[in-house]
Amino acid sequence: MKKLLLAAAVLAFSLLAGPSQAQISLSVNIGIQPSWGPTGYDHVEYYYIPDIQCYYYVPDHQFVYLRGGHWTFSRELPPAYRNFDLYHSHKEVINEPQAYLHFEEHRARFDHFKGEPHGQVFIRDSHEERYRDHWHDQHEANEEWRHRH
């Protein structure tokens, strides 16, 4: 009987502890957000960039944009925007699956932000403690990106 109760307690504990660990690892992705992303978000799926009407999918580090009527996924900006400065543009955080499927809604809601970043502080420029390791880990990648663009 004691063995059965102990087994039930271990099973119950593992069921309760398992989801919380998974939730933590899925809900915080500060370390993979690009240094040009705005501060203040522990988790980001997509950034919508009104200036160039495209998305950036954080988990796969890919830009998502319309090309020839189809959504294109690329690690590079769309060809027409290769020299676009991501540090001087507004971004909207969109945490929904396949955000680009709601492009018309996002364009209507956010395209008035075209131009300056409107007071957004970027991860690269943040002095918040939670971004300290991000800057050190991303510094080389940022320098490489700047040299290519």
N, C-alpha and C. Protein backbone atom coordinates (compact mmCIF):
# COMPACT_ATOMS: atom_id res chain seq x y z
N MET A 1 0.83 -1.19 0.00
CA MET A 1 0.00 0.00 0.00
C MET A 1 0.87 1.26 0.00
N LYS A 2 1.95 1.23 0.83
CA LYS A 2 2.83 2.38 0.89
C LYS A 2 3.50 2.61 -0.46
N LYS A 3 3.88 1.52 -1.14
CA LYS A 3 4.52 1.65 -2.45
C LYS A 3 3.55 2.27 -3.45
N LEU A 4 2.29 1.89 -3.39
CA LEU A 4 1.28 2.43 -4.29
C LEU A 4 1.07 3.92 -4.05
N LEU A 5 1.00 4.32 -2.78
CA LEU A 5 0.85 5.74 -2.45
C LEU A 5 2.08 6.54 -2.88
N LEU A 6 3.25 5.98 -2.66
CA LEU A 6 4.49 6.66 -3.06
C LEU A 6 4.55 6.80 -4.58
N ALA A 7 4.19 5.76 -5.31
CA ALA A 7 4.18 5.83 -6.77
C ALA A 7 3.17 6.88 -7.25
N ALA A 8 2.01 6.95 -6.63
CA ALA A 8 0.99 7.95 -7.00
C ALA A 8 1.49 9.35 -6.72
N ALA A 9 2.18 9.54 -5.60
CA ALA A 9 2.71 10.86 -5.25
C ALA A 9 3.79 11.29 -6.24
N VAL A 10 4.68 10.36 -6.60
CA VAL A 10 5.74 10.67 -7.57
C VAL A 10 5.12 11.01 -8.93
N LEU A 11 4.14 10.26 -9.35
CA LEU A 11 3.47 10.51 -10.62
C LEU A 11 2.78 11.87 -10.61
N ALA A 12 2.07 12.18 -9.54
CA ALA A 12 1.37 13.47 -9.43
C ALA A 12 2.38 14.61 -9.46
N PHE A 13 3.48 14.47 -8.73
CA PHE A 13 4.50 15.52 -8.71
C PHE A 13 5.11 15.73 -10.09
N SER A 14 5.41 14.62 -10.78
CA SER A 14 6.02 14.77 -12.10
C SER A 14 5.06 15.39 -13.09
N LEU A 15 3.78 15.11 -12.98
CA LEU A 15 2.80 15.74 -13.87
C LEU A 15 2.67 17.23 -13.59
N LEU A 16 2.73 17.60 -12.34
CA LEU A 16 2.62 19.02 -11.99
C LEU A 16 3.90 19.78 -12.31
N ALA A 17 5.03 19.18 -12.08
CA ALA A 17 6.31 19.86 -12.31
C ALA A 17 6.66 19.93 -13.79
N GLY A 18 6.31 18.92 -14.56
CA GLY A 18 6.66 18.88 -15.98
C GLY A 18 6.15 20.05 -16.79
N PRO A 19 4.86 20.37 -16.75
CA PRO A 19 4.36 21.48 -17.56
C PRO A 19 4.96 22.82 -17.19
N SER A 20 5.23 23.05 -15.90
CA SER A 20 5.78 24.35 -15.53
C SER A 20 7.18 24.53 -16.09
N GLN A 21 7.97 23.47 -16.13
CA GLN A 21 9.29 23.58 -16.73
C GLN A 21 9.19 23.85 -18.22
N ALA A 22 8.28 23.17 -18.89
CA ALA A 22 8.11 23.38 -20.33
C ALA A 22 7.64 24.81 -20.60
N GLN A 23 6.75 25.30 -19.76
CA GLN A 23 6.24 26.65 -19.97
C GLN A 23 7.35 27.68 -19.82
N ILE A 24 8.23 27.51 -18.87
CA ILE A 24 9.33 28.46 -18.67
C ILE A 24 10.24 28.46 -19.89
N SER A 25 10.59 27.29 -20.39
CA SER A 25 11.52 27.25 -21.50
C SER A 25 10.89 27.79 -22.79
N LEU A 26 9.58 27.70 -22.92
CA LEU A 26 8.92 28.20 -24.11
C LEU A 26 8.54 29.67 -24.01
N SER A 27 8.33 30.16 -22.79
CA SER A 27 7.79 31.50 -22.67
C SER A 27 8.85 32.60 -22.60
N VAL A 28 10.08 32.29 -22.32
CA VAL A 28 11.12 33.31 -22.24
C VAL A 28 12.12 33.06 -23.36
N ASN A 29 12.24 34.03 -24.28
CA ASN A 29 13.21 33.87 -25.37
C ASN A 29 14.02 35.15 -25.57
N ILE A 30 14.34 35.82 -24.47
CA ILE A 30 15.12 37.06 -24.55
C ILE A 30 16.43 36.84 -25.28
N GLY A 31 17.10 35.74 -25.01
CA GLY A 31 18.41 35.49 -25.59
C GLY A 31 18.44 35.33 -27.10
N ILE A 32 17.31 35.00 -27.72
CA ILE A 32 17.31 34.83 -29.17
C ILE A 32 16.68 36.01 -29.91
N GLN A 33 16.17 36.99 -29.16
CA GLN A 33 15.63 38.16 -29.81
C GLN A 33 16.78 38.97 -30.43
N PRO A 34 16.58 39.54 -31.60
CA PRO A 34 17.66 40.30 -32.23
C PRO A 34 17.97 41.58 -31.45
N SER A 35 19.20 42.04 -31.54
CA SER A 35 19.60 43.23 -30.79
C SER A 35 18.86 44.48 -31.26
N TRP A 36 18.27 44.45 -32.44
CA TRP A 36 17.49 45.59 -32.93
C TRP A 36 16.03 45.52 -32.48
N GLY A 37 15.67 44.49 -31.71
CA GLY A 37 14.31 44.38 -31.20
C GLY A 37 14.10 45.31 -30.02
N PRO A 38 12.86 45.75 -29.80
CA PRO A 38 12.59 46.63 -28.67
C PRO A 38 12.67 45.88 -27.34
N THR A 39 13.04 46.59 -26.30
CA THR A 39 13.14 46.00 -24.97
C THR A 39 11.74 45.85 -24.36
N GLY A 40 11.70 45.08 -23.28
CA GLY A 40 10.47 44.96 -22.50
C GLY A 40 9.66 43.71 -22.75
N TYR A 41 10.16 42.81 -23.58
CA TYR A 41 9.40 41.60 -23.91
C TYR A 41 10.20 40.36 -23.54
N ASP A 42 9.62 39.54 -22.65
CA ASP A 42 10.28 38.29 -22.29
C ASP A 42 10.12 37.25 -23.37
N HIS A 43 9.07 37.38 -24.16
CA HIS A 43 8.80 36.41 -25.22
C HIS A 43 8.30 37.15 -26.46
N VAL A 44 8.87 36.82 -27.60
CA VAL A 44 8.43 37.39 -28.88
C VAL A 44 8.40 36.29 -29.91
N GLU A 45 7.27 36.17 -30.60
CA GLU A 45 7.17 35.26 -31.74
C GLU A 45 7.54 36.00 -33.02
N TYR A 46 6.84 37.11 -33.26
CA TYR A 46 7.05 37.89 -34.48
C TYR A 46 7.21 39.37 -34.15
N TYR A 47 8.00 40.05 -34.95
CA TYR A 47 7.97 41.51 -35.00
C TYR A 47 7.33 41.87 -36.34
N TYR A 48 6.41 42.81 -36.30
CA TYR A 48 5.91 43.39 -37.54
C TYR A 48 6.65 44.71 -37.73
N ILE A 49 7.22 44.92 -38.91
CA ILE A 49 8.01 46.12 -39.20
C ILE A 49 7.22 46.94 -40.23
N PRO A 50 6.48 47.95 -39.75
CA PRO A 50 5.61 48.71 -40.66
C PRO A 50 6.35 49.38 -41.82
N ASP A 51 7.56 49.87 -41.61
CA ASP A 51 8.28 50.57 -42.67
C ASP A 51 8.45 49.74 -43.93
N ILE A 52 8.63 48.45 -43.76
CA ILE A 52 8.87 47.59 -44.92
C ILE A 52 7.79 46.51 -45.06
N GLN A 53 6.76 46.62 -44.23
CA GLN A 53 5.62 45.72 -44.25
C GLN A 53 6.03 44.25 -44.32
N CYS A 54 6.90 43.90 -43.38
CA CYS A 54 7.28 42.49 -43.28
C CYS A 54 7.37 42.11 -41.82
N TYR A 55 7.54 40.83 -41.58
CA TYR A 55 7.64 40.27 -40.24
C TYR A 55 9.03 39.70 -40.05
N TYR A 56 9.38 39.54 -38.78
CA TYR A 56 10.59 38.80 -38.44
C TYR A 56 10.14 37.73 -37.45
N TYR A 57 10.39 36.47 -37.79
CA TYR A 57 10.01 35.34 -36.94
C TYR A 57 11.20 35.00 -36.06
N VAL A 58 11.10 35.33 -34.78
CA VAL A 58 12.22 35.21 -33.84
C VAL A 58 12.71 33.77 -33.68
N PRO A 59 11.85 32.78 -33.45
CA PRO A 59 12.38 31.42 -33.22
C PRO A 59 13.27 30.88 -34.34
N ASP A 60 12.97 31.21 -35.60
CA ASP A 60 13.78 30.71 -36.72
C ASP A 60 14.70 31.78 -37.32
N HIS A 61 14.69 32.97 -36.74
CA HIS A 61 15.54 34.08 -37.23
C HIS A 61 15.31 34.33 -38.72
N GLN A 62 14.04 34.46 -39.10
CA GLN A 62 13.70 34.65 -40.51
C GLN A 62 12.76 35.83 -40.71
N PHE A 63 13.01 36.55 -41.79
CA PHE A 63 12.07 37.57 -42.23
C PHE A 63 10.98 36.87 -43.04
N VAL A 64 9.76 37.39 -42.92
CA VAL A 64 8.63 36.83 -43.63
C VAL A 64 7.98 37.99 -44.38
N TYR A 65 7.92 37.88 -45.70
CA TYR A 65 7.39 38.97 -46.51
C TYR A 65 6.71 38.44 -47.77
N LEU A 66 5.82 39.26 -48.30
CA LEU A 66 5.11 38.90 -49.52
C LEU A 66 6.01 39.11 -50.73
N ARG A 67 6.05 38.11 -51.58
CA ARG A 67 6.82 38.21 -52.82
C ARG A 67 6.04 37.44 -53.89
N GLY A 68 5.59 38.16 -54.88
CA GLY A 68 4.81 37.53 -55.94
C GLY A 68 3.51 36.93 -55.45
N GLY A 69 2.92 37.53 -54.41
CA GLY A 69 1.65 37.04 -53.88
C GLY A 69 1.77 35.87 -52.92
N HIS A 70 3.00 35.47 -52.59
CA HIS A 70 3.23 34.35 -51.67
C HIS A 70 4.14 34.79 -50.54
N TRP A 71 3.95 34.18 -49.37
CA TRP A 71 4.79 34.50 -48.23
C TRP A 71 6.14 33.81 -48.39
N THR A 72 7.19 34.60 -48.26
CA THR A 72 8.55 34.12 -48.40
C THR A 72 9.24 34.17 -47.05
N PHE A 73 10.01 33.15 -46.72
CA PHE A 73 10.76 33.08 -45.47
C PHE A 73 12.24 33.14 -45.84
N SER A 74 12.96 34.09 -45.24
CA SER A 74 14.37 34.26 -45.59
C SER A 74 15.15 34.83 -44.40
N ARG A 75 16.39 34.45 -44.30
CA ARG A 75 17.26 35.01 -43.26
C ARG A 75 17.71 36.43 -43.62
N GLU A 76 17.44 36.83 -44.84
CA GLU A 76 17.81 38.16 -45.32
C GLU A 76 16.56 39.01 -45.51
N LEU A 77 16.74 40.31 -45.44
CA LEU A 77 15.64 41.22 -45.74
C LEU A 77 15.22 41.06 -47.20
N PRO A 78 14.01 41.49 -47.54
CA PRO A 78 13.61 41.45 -48.95
C PRO A 78 14.63 42.23 -49.79
N PRO A 79 14.88 41.80 -51.01
CA PRO A 79 15.91 42.44 -51.85
C PRO A 79 15.77 43.96 -51.94
N ALA A 80 14.57 44.48 -52.01
CA ALA A 80 14.38 45.93 -52.12
C ALA A 80 14.81 46.67 -50.86
N TYR A 81 14.95 45.95 -49.75
CA TYR A 81 15.26 46.59 -48.46
C TYR A 81 16.58 46.10 -47.86
N ARG A 82 17.48 45.60 -48.66
CA ARG A 82 18.74 45.06 -48.15
C ARG A 82 19.51 46.06 -47.29
N ASN A 83 19.39 47.35 -47.59
CA ASN A 83 20.12 48.38 -46.84
C ASN A 83 19.26 49.06 -45.78
N PHE A 84 18.12 48.51 -45.49
CA PHE A 84 17.22 49.09 -44.49
C PHE A 84 17.84 49.00 -43.11
N ASP A 85 17.76 50.07 -42.33
CA ASP A 85 18.35 50.13 -40.99
C ASP A 85 17.31 49.69 -39.95
N LEU A 86 17.45 48.49 -39.46
CA LEU A 86 16.51 47.94 -38.50
C LEU A 86 16.58 48.64 -37.14
N TYR A 87 17.67 49.35 -36.88
CA TYR A 87 17.82 50.05 -35.61
C TYR A 87 17.07 51.38 -35.59
N HIS A 88 16.57 51.82 -36.70
CA HIS A 88 15.86 53.10 -36.74
C HIS A 88 14.46 52.93 -37.31
N SER A 89 13.80 51.88 -36.87
CA SER A 89 12.43 51.64 -37.32
C SER A 89 11.60 51.08 -36.17
N HIS A 90 10.33 51.31 -36.26
CA HIS A 90 9.40 50.83 -35.25
C HIS A 90 9.10 49.35 -35.48
N LYS A 91 8.95 48.60 -34.39
CA LYS A 91 8.53 47.20 -34.47
C LYS A 91 7.36 46.97 -33.53
N GLU A 92 6.43 46.17 -33.97
CA GLU A 92 5.32 45.75 -33.14
C GLU A 92 5.48 44.27 -32.84
N VAL A 93 5.35 43.91 -31.57
CA VAL A 93 5.43 42.51 -31.17
C VAL A 93 4.08 41.86 -31.42
N ILE A 94 4.10 40.75 -32.14
CA ILE A 94 2.89 39.99 -32.44
C ILE A 94 3.12 38.56 -31.96
N ASN A 95 2.42 38.19 -30.92
CA ASN A 95 2.56 36.83 -30.37
C ASN A 95 1.32 36.02 -30.71
N GLU A 96 1.28 35.59 -31.94
CA GLU A 96 0.20 34.72 -32.40
C GLU A 96 0.79 33.80 -33.47
N PRO A 97 0.25 32.61 -33.61
CA PRO A 97 0.77 31.69 -34.64
C PRO A 97 0.56 32.26 -36.03
N GLN A 98 1.55 32.11 -36.87
CA GLN A 98 1.50 32.55 -38.27
C GLN A 98 0.91 33.96 -38.39
N ALA A 99 1.54 34.90 -37.70
CA ALA A 99 1.06 36.28 -37.64
C ALA A 99 0.85 36.88 -39.02
N TYR A 100 1.67 36.51 -39.97
CA TYR A 100 1.59 37.07 -41.32
C TYR A 100 0.26 36.78 -42.00
N LEU A 101 -0.48 35.79 -41.53
CA LEU A 101 -1.80 35.50 -42.10
C LEU A 101 -2.82 36.59 -41.73
N HIS A 102 -2.45 37.47 -40.81
CA HIS A 102 -3.29 38.59 -40.41
C HIS A 102 -2.68 39.91 -40.87
N PHE A 103 -1.96 39.86 -41.98
CA PHE A 103 -1.22 41.00 -42.49
C PHE A 103 -2.10 42.24 -42.69
N GLU A 104 -3.24 42.09 -43.30
CA GLU A 104 -4.11 43.25 -43.57
C GLU A 104 -4.51 43.94 -42.27
N GLU A 105 -4.83 43.15 -41.26
CA GLU A 105 -5.19 43.71 -39.94
C GLU A 105 -3.99 44.45 -39.34
N HIS A 106 -2.82 43.84 -39.39
CA HIS A 106 -1.62 44.47 -38.82
C HIS A 106 -1.25 45.74 -39.58
N ARG A 107 -1.37 45.69 -40.87
CA ARG A 107 -1.06 46.87 -41.69
C ARG A 107 -2.00 48.02 -41.32
N ALA A 108 -3.28 47.72 -41.18
CA ALA A 108 -4.25 48.77 -40.82
C ALA A 108 -3.99 49.33 -39.42
N ARG A 109 -3.58 48.49 -38.50
CA ARG A 109 -3.37 48.93 -37.11
C ARG A 109 -2.03 49.62 -36.89
N PHE A 110 -0.98 49.23 -37.63
CA PHE A 110 0.36 49.67 -37.26
C PHE A 110 1.11 50.49 -38.29
N ASP A 111 0.63 50.59 -39.51
CA ASP A 111 1.41 51.29 -40.53
C ASP A 111 1.55 52.79 -40.27
N HIS A 112 0.75 53.34 -39.37
CA HIS A 112 0.93 54.76 -39.03
C HIS A 112 2.22 54.98 -38.23
N PHE A 113 2.88 53.88 -37.81
CA PHE A 113 4.15 53.98 -37.09
C PHE A 113 5.36 54.04 -38.02
N LYS A 114 5.12 54.10 -39.32
CA LYS A 114 6.25 54.17 -40.25
C LYS A 114 7.13 55.36 -39.92
N GLY A 115 8.42 55.17 -40.05
CA GLY A 115 9.35 56.26 -39.75
C GLY A 115 10.18 55.93 -38.53
N GLU A 116 10.29 56.86 -37.65
CA GLU A 116 11.13 56.72 -36.45
C GLU A 116 10.61 55.64 -35.52
N PRO A 117 11.49 55.15 -34.63
CA PRO A 117 11.09 54.08 -33.70
C PRO A 117 10.12 54.53 -32.60
N HIS A 118 9.78 55.80 -32.55
CA HIS A 118 8.77 56.30 -31.61
C HIS A 118 9.08 55.95 -30.16
N GLY A 119 10.30 56.23 -29.73
CA GLY A 119 10.67 56.04 -28.34
C GLY A 119 11.03 54.63 -27.95
N GLN A 120 11.07 53.71 -28.87
CA GLN A 120 11.46 52.35 -28.51
C GLN A 120 12.95 52.31 -28.20
N VAL A 121 13.27 51.61 -27.13
CA VAL A 121 14.68 51.35 -26.79
C VAL A 121 15.00 49.96 -27.29
N PHE A 122 16.10 49.84 -28.01
CA PHE A 122 16.46 48.54 -28.58
C PHE A 122 17.35 47.76 -27.62
N ILE A 123 17.29 46.45 -27.72
CA ILE A 123 18.05 45.57 -26.84
C ILE A 123 19.52 45.96 -26.84
N ARG A 124 20.06 46.27 -27.98
CA ARG A 124 21.47 46.66 -28.09
C ARG A 124 21.81 47.84 -27.18
N ASP A 125 20.88 48.78 -27.03
CA ASP A 125 21.12 50.00 -26.28
C ASP A 125 20.63 49.95 -24.84
N SER A 126 20.10 48.83 -24.42
CA SER A 126 19.51 48.71 -23.09
C SER A 126 20.59 48.49 -22.03
N HIS A 127 20.32 49.06 -20.87
CA HIS A 127 21.20 48.84 -19.71
C HIS A 127 20.51 47.95 -18.67
N GLU A 128 19.39 47.35 -19.05
CA GLU A 128 18.69 46.46 -18.13
C GLU A 128 19.52 45.20 -17.90
N GLU A 129 19.50 44.74 -16.68
CA GLU A 129 20.28 43.56 -16.29
C GLU A 129 19.91 42.33 -17.12
N ARG A 130 18.64 42.17 -17.44
CA ARG A 130 18.22 40.96 -18.15
C ARG A 130 18.78 40.86 -19.57
N TYR A 131 19.30 41.96 -20.10
CA TYR A 131 19.87 41.95 -21.45
C TYR A 131 21.40 41.91 -21.43
N ARG A 132 22.01 41.87 -20.27
CA ARG A 132 23.47 41.89 -20.17
C ARG A 132 24.11 40.77 -20.98
N ASP A 133 23.67 39.54 -20.78
CA ASP A 133 24.26 38.41 -21.50
C ASP A 133 23.91 38.46 -22.98
N HIS A 134 22.76 39.01 -23.30
CA HIS A 134 22.35 39.11 -24.71
C HIS A 134 23.37 39.93 -25.49
N TRP A 135 23.77 41.05 -24.93
CA TRP A 135 24.72 41.90 -25.65
C TRP A 135 26.04 41.16 -25.86
N HIS A 136 26.54 40.52 -24.83
CA HIS A 136 27.81 39.82 -24.97
C HIS A 136 27.71 38.67 -25.98
N ASP A 137 26.62 37.92 -25.93
CA ASP A 137 26.45 36.78 -26.83
C ASP A 137 26.20 37.21 -28.27
N GLN A 138 25.54 38.33 -28.45
CA GLN A 138 25.15 38.75 -29.79
C GLN A 138 26.12 39.74 -30.43
N HIS A 139 27.10 40.22 -29.70
CA HIS A 139 27.97 41.27 -30.21
C HIS A 139 28.64 40.89 -31.53
N GLU A 140 29.20 39.72 -31.60
CA GLU A 140 29.87 39.31 -32.84
C GLU A 140 28.88 39.18 -33.99
N ALA A 141 27.72 38.61 -33.74
CA ALA A 141 26.71 38.48 -34.79
C ALA A 141 26.26 39.86 -35.27
N ASN A 142 26.11 40.80 -34.35
CA ASN A 142 25.70 42.15 -34.74
C ASN A 142 26.76 42.82 -35.60
N GLU A 143 28.01 42.66 -35.23
CA GLU A 143 29.09 43.26 -36.00
C GLU A 143 29.15 42.67 -37.40
N GLU A 144 28.96 41.36 -37.49
CA GLU A 144 28.97 40.71 -38.80
C GLU A 144 27.81 41.22 -39.65
N TRP A 145 26.62 41.37 -39.04
CA TRP A 145 25.46 41.87 -39.77
C TRP A 145 25.73 43.29 -40.28
N ARG A 146 26.28 44.14 -39.42
CA ARG A 146 26.55 45.53 -39.82
C ARG A 146 27.53 45.59 -40.99
N HIS A 147 28.53 44.74 -40.98
CA HIS A 147 29.52 44.75 -42.07
C HIS A 147 28.93 44.26 -43.38
N ARG A 148 27.97 43.36 -43.30
CA ARG A 148 27.34 42.85 -44.52
C ARG A 148 26.34 43.85 -45.10
N HIS A 149 25.81 44.71 -44.27
CA HIS A 149 24.74 45.62 -44.74
C HIS A 149 25.27 46.99 -44.72
